[in-house]
Amino acid sequence: NVGISFLTPEQHFQNLPDSAWTKPEFDPKEVCSLPADEPLLSPAGALLTSPSQEVIVMVGFPGSGKSHFVRNHLAPKGYEVVNRDSLGSWQKCVTHMETCLKQGKSVVIDNMSPDVESRKRYVLVANRAKIPVRCFLMDVSYKHARHNNEFREMTDRSHSIISEMVFNSYKSKFQQPTQTEGFTEIVKVKFVPKFTSKSHEDLYRMFLLEK
C-alpha cells in the first residue's frame, strides 16, 4: 500500500528467491486502470435507456455501485426509482411500481434482488402491465464490493454501515439472472470509480481488505 518494494529477510540477507505467495483476489489498481473508453454496458450495443416504457431490475452486491449508477444514469432520464431501503418492504415496492406503471413511467428497481424469487415479483407486475423488463447486473465481485464498502466507510461517515453478514447472505442466495425469468435482456454494468480528490483515489488503490 505504501508503494515500496518488499523483501523477506531470506531474500535480503541470503539472496534466496522469492517464495510462492497468493496475490489478493481483488486488485483495486486494475479497476482504476481501465481505459477511459471502456464500454459501461455489455453486451456491445446494449442501450442504457429505452425510448418506450420499461422496467429495469438491478442486481448486485451491496457496495457494487447500483444506487450510484441508478442515481446518475437512469433517474435523470426520467426513470422512477423503487428502493426497499426508502419504502421499507418489497410489498410497498410492488405497490409503488404498479402506481408508476399506470402513470406511464419507466421504473428501475434499485434492490439487491439476488435470486429468482426476489426478482419474480417485479417481473410479474411488468408482465401484467405488458411492459418489457430488463435485468441490469452489476459486474462486481464479492471482494470488489467488500472493498468498495470499506472505502465508503472510511470516506463517507453519513452512509449506513453494512455488515459482513449482508454480503454473505447475498453471496449464498445469488442465482445468475437468465432471460427465462422473463427478461428481454440481461445487461452487465461495469463499475467505474469516480473520486472527489486525489487522496481518495490513492486510498481506493490500496488493498483495504488485507488487514
Protein backbone atom coordinates (compact mmCIF):
# COMPACT_ATOMS: atom_id res chain seq x y z
CA ASN A 1 0.00 0.00 0.00
CA VAL A 2 2.86 2.47 0.66
CA GLY A 3 4.33 1.77 -2.78
CA ILE A 4 7.78 0.48 -1.81
CA SER A 5 9.41 -2.82 -2.67
CA PHE A 6 9.13 -5.59 -0.10
CA LEU A 7 11.80 -8.19 0.68
CA THR A 8 11.73 -11.00 3.19
CA PRO A 9 14.80 -11.44 5.43
CA GLU A 10 15.74 -14.52 3.38
CA GLN A 11 15.69 -12.52 0.16
CA HIS A 12 17.58 -9.54 1.56
CA PHE A 13 20.27 -11.25 3.61
CA GLN A 14 20.65 -14.62 1.87
CA ASN A 15 19.73 -13.69 -1.72
CA LEU A 16 17.21 -16.54 -1.79
CA PRO A 17 14.50 -16.50 -4.48
CA ASP A 18 11.08 -15.12 -3.68
CA SER A 19 8.83 -17.73 -2.08
CA ALA A 20 5.44 -18.56 -3.51
CA TRP A 21 2.60 -16.30 -2.39
CA THR A 22 -1.02 -15.79 -3.31
CA LYS A 23 -1.95 -12.44 -4.78
CA PRO A 24 -5.11 -10.91 -3.27
CA GLU A 25 -8.21 -11.95 -5.19
CA PHE A 26 -9.16 -8.33 -5.92
CA ASP A 27 -6.63 -5.72 -7.04
CA PRO A 28 -8.13 -2.19 -6.87
CA LYS A 29 -5.38 -0.81 -9.10
CA GLU A 30 -6.76 -2.84 -12.01
CA VAL A 31 -10.16 -1.17 -11.65
CA CYS A 32 -8.54 2.26 -11.67
CA SER A 33 -6.51 1.35 -14.75
CA LEU A 34 -9.45 0.55 -17.05
CA PRO A 35 -9.33 2.51 -20.35
CA ALA A 36 -11.38 5.71 -20.39
CA ASP A 37 -13.31 4.45 -23.41
CA GLU A 38 -14.22 1.12 -21.76
CA PRO A 39 -17.93 0.49 -22.51
CA LEU A 40 -20.16 0.90 -19.47
CA LEU A 41 -22.56 -1.81 -20.61
CA SER A 42 -22.22 -5.24 -22.18
CA PRO A 43 -23.03 -6.92 -24.48
CA ALA A 44 -21.96 -4.40 -27.10
CA GLY A 45 -24.90 -2.45 -28.39
CA ALA A 46 -26.90 -2.65 -25.15
CA LEU A 47 -28.91 0.56 -24.65
CA LEU A 48 -28.77 2.46 -21.38
CA THR A 49 -32.40 3.53 -21.64
CA SER A 50 -35.39 2.59 -23.76
CA PRO A 51 -37.35 5.03 -25.94
CA SER A 52 -40.55 3.35 -24.72
CA GLN A 53 -41.82 2.49 -21.23
CA GLU A 54 -39.91 -0.31 -19.50
CA VAL A 55 -38.87 -1.80 -16.17
CA ILE A 56 -35.24 -2.38 -15.17
CA VAL A 57 -34.40 -4.72 -12.27
CA MET A 58 -30.97 -4.05 -10.79
CA VAL A 59 -28.98 -6.98 -9.36
CA GLY A 60 -25.78 -6.72 -7.36
CA PHE A 61 -23.96 -6.88 -4.05
CA PRO A 62 -24.29 -4.04 -1.56
CA GLY A 63 -21.43 -1.70 -2.40
CA SER A 64 -21.43 -2.71 -6.07
CA GLY A 65 -22.49 0.75 -7.23
CA LYS A 66 -26.16 0.03 -8.02
CA SER A 67 -27.61 3.14 -6.42
CA HIS A 68 -24.85 5.36 -7.78
CA PHE A 69 -25.49 4.03 -11.28
CA VAL A 70 -29.27 4.47 -10.94
CA ARG A 71 -28.92 7.96 -9.49
CA ASN A 72 -26.52 9.18 -12.17
CA HIS A 73 -27.66 7.34 -15.29
CA LEU A 74 -31.33 6.33 -15.01
CA ALA A 75 -33.08 8.75 -12.65
CA PRO A 76 -32.02 11.79 -14.75
CA LYS A 77 -33.61 10.10 -17.77
CA GLY A 78 -37.00 10.00 -16.04
CA TYR A 79 -36.93 6.50 -14.54
CA GLU A 80 -38.85 6.27 -11.27
CA VAL A 81 -36.59 4.69 -8.62
CA VAL A 82 -38.18 2.00 -6.44
CA ASN A 83 -35.99 1.19 -3.46
CA ARG A 84 -36.71 -1.04 -0.47
CA ASP A 85 -34.40 0.96 1.83
CA SER A 86 -36.63 4.01 1.43
CA LEU A 87 -40.02 2.25 1.15
CA GLY A 88 -39.45 -0.36 3.87
CA SER A 89 -40.69 -3.60 2.30
CA TRP A 90 -40.92 -5.41 -1.02
CA GLN A 91 -44.72 -5.23 -0.81
CA LYS A 92 -44.54 -1.42 -0.78
CA CYS A 93 -42.05 -1.58 -3.65
CA VAL A 94 -44.52 -3.59 -5.72
CA THR A 95 -47.39 -1.21 -4.92
CA HIS A 96 -45.32 1.85 -5.83
CA MET A 97 -44.14 0.15 -9.01
CA GLU A 98 -47.73 -0.61 -10.06
CA THR A 99 -48.72 3.02 -9.46
CA CYS A 100 -45.81 4.36 -11.52
CA LEU A 101 -46.51 1.99 -14.43
CA LYS A 102 -50.16 3.09 -14.51
CA GLN A 103 -48.89 6.67 -14.77
CA GLY A 104 -46.88 5.69 -17.85
CA LYS A 105 -43.48 5.97 -16.17
CA SER A 106 -40.48 3.71 -16.67
CA VAL A 107 -39.32 2.13 -13.42
CA VAL A 108 -35.98 0.91 -12.07
CA ILE A 109 -35.94 -1.48 -9.08
CA ASP A 110 -32.90 -0.48 -7.04
CA ASN A 111 -32.66 -3.51 -4.71
CA MET A 112 -30.09 -6.33 -4.45
CA SER A 113 -32.51 -8.94 -5.91
CA PRO A 114 -30.04 -11.85 -5.67
CA ASP A 115 -32.35 -14.75 -6.52
CA VAL A 116 -35.13 -15.71 -8.90
CA GLU A 117 -37.81 -15.36 -6.21
CA SER A 118 -36.90 -11.77 -5.30
CA ARG A 119 -36.86 -10.75 -8.98
CA LYS A 120 -40.02 -12.65 -9.95
CA ARG A 121 -42.39 -10.34 -8.05
CA TYR A 122 -41.32 -7.38 -10.21
CA VAL A 123 -41.29 -9.36 -13.45
CA LEU A 124 -44.88 -10.48 -12.79
CA VAL A 125 -46.04 -6.89 -12.27
CA ALA A 126 -44.35 -5.83 -15.51
CA ASN A 127 -45.87 -8.79 -17.38
CA ARG A 128 -49.37 -7.98 -16.13
CA ALA A 129 -48.94 -4.42 -17.37
CA LYS A 130 -47.49 -5.73 -20.66
CA ILE A 131 -44.32 -3.71 -20.07
CA PRO A 132 -40.93 -5.19 -21.13
CA VAL A 133 -38.45 -5.77 -18.31
CA ARG A 134 -34.66 -5.91 -18.47
CA CYS A 135 -32.12 -7.01 -15.86
CA PHE A 136 -29.04 -4.88 -15.16
CA LEU A 137 -26.39 -6.98 -13.37
CA MET A 138 -23.52 -5.14 -11.69
CA ASP A 139 -20.25 -6.69 -12.87
CA VAL A 140 -18.70 -6.54 -9.40
CA SER A 141 -17.30 -9.50 -7.45
CA TYR A 142 -17.74 -10.25 -3.75
CA LYS A 143 -14.26 -8.96 -2.85
CA HIS A 144 -14.67 -5.89 -5.05
CA ALA A 145 -17.95 -4.99 -3.35
CA ARG A 146 -16.37 -5.52 0.09
CA HIS A 147 -13.51 -3.24 -0.93
CA ASN A 148 -15.96 -0.57 -2.11
CA ASN A 149 -17.83 -0.78 1.18
CA GLU A 150 -14.62 -0.50 3.20
CA PHE A 151 -13.62 2.55 1.17
CA ARG A 152 -17.06 4.11 1.65
CA GLU A 153 -16.94 3.60 5.42
CA MET A 154 -13.57 5.36 5.51
CA THR A 155 -14.62 8.34 3.39
CA ASP A 156 -18.36 8.81 3.98
CA ARG A 157 -19.46 8.70 7.62
CA SER A 158 -23.05 9.52 6.67
CA HIS A 159 -23.58 6.18 4.94
CA SER A 160 -25.02 3.32 6.98
CA ILE A 161 -22.61 0.52 7.85
CA ILE A 162 -23.22 -2.76 6.01
CA SER A 163 -22.29 -5.87 7.98
CA GLU A 164 -20.38 -8.82 6.59
CA MET A 165 -23.48 -10.92 7.19
CA VAL A 166 -25.36 -8.95 4.49
CA PHE A 167 -22.61 -9.65 1.97
CA ASN A 168 -22.53 -13.34 2.83
CA SER A 169 -26.32 -13.56 2.67
CA TYR A 170 -26.34 -12.11 -0.85
CA LYS A 171 -23.50 -14.43 -1.88
CA SER A 172 -25.30 -17.54 -0.63
CA LYS A 173 -28.64 -16.59 -2.22
CA PHE A 174 -27.28 -15.41 -5.57
CA GLN A 175 -28.69 -17.04 -8.68
CA GLN A 176 -27.40 -15.90 -12.07
CA PRO A 177 -30.19 -13.99 -13.87
CA THR A 178 -31.41 -15.54 -17.12
CA GLN A 179 -33.87 -14.50 -19.80
CA THR A 180 -36.05 -17.49 -18.93
CA GLU A 181 -37.16 -15.48 -15.87
CA GLY A 182 -38.98 -13.12 -18.25
CA PHE A 183 -36.26 -10.59 -19.00
CA THR A 184 -35.96 -9.35 -22.58
CA GLU A 185 -32.23 -8.77 -21.97
CA ILE A 186 -29.51 -9.27 -19.36
CA VAL A 187 -27.14 -6.31 -19.31
CA LYS A 188 -23.88 -6.26 -17.34
CA VAL A 189 -22.82 -2.90 -15.86
CA LYS A 190 -19.14 -2.06 -15.36
CA PHE A 191 -18.08 -0.37 -12.14
CA VAL A 192 -16.37 2.92 -12.97
CA PRO A 193 -14.89 4.61 -9.88
CA LYS A 194 -15.19 8.40 -9.57
CA PHE A 195 -13.21 10.34 -6.99
CA THR A 196 -13.68 13.75 -5.42
CA SER A 197 -9.99 14.11 -4.60
CA LYS A 198 -6.55 12.66 -5.33
CA SER A 199 -6.30 11.45 -1.72
CA HIS A 200 -9.48 9.41 -2.15
CA GLU A 201 -8.14 7.84 -5.33
CA ASP A 202 -4.86 6.98 -3.59
CA LEU A 203 -6.80 5.37 -0.74
CA TYR A 204 -9.02 3.37 -3.13
CA ARG A 205 -5.94 1.94 -4.86
CA MET A 206 -4.78 0.35 -1.58
CA PHE A 207 -5.57 -3.21 -0.51
CA LEU A 208 -8.17 -2.31 2.12
CA LEU A 209 -9.32 -5.85 2.94
CA GLU A 210 -5.91 -7.33 3.78
CA LYS A 211 -5.62 -6.45 7.47
